[in-house]
Amino acid sequence: MSIRPELESERQLLVAETAANTKALKEVEDNILNTLSASQGNILEDESAIEILDSSKKISSEIQKKQVVTTETEKLINKNRFAYRPIAK
């Protein structure tokens, strides 16, 4: 019996997706910080800042949901991969 190569391929895709999600979250955080630092006066009166912050919140939420799915999928893949260890010995 041989190890299923699709598990390793899928694991590598998940690693790349996790890296992309981490980068996207960093960009969202940077955007929030730039918006807050550039805001003049009361931020609650700055419609552009409110829109940017609202958009950032939605993007961040979507990324966090993706990360939960990615983490669960990676656990399943690892469980399946580790099932081959006794066979490999």
Foldseek 3Di string as FASTA:
>chain_A
DDDDVVLVVVLVVLVVLVVVLVVVLVVLVVQLVVLVVPDDDDCVVVPVNVVSPVVSVVSNVVSVVVVVVSVVVNVVSVVSRVVCVVVVD
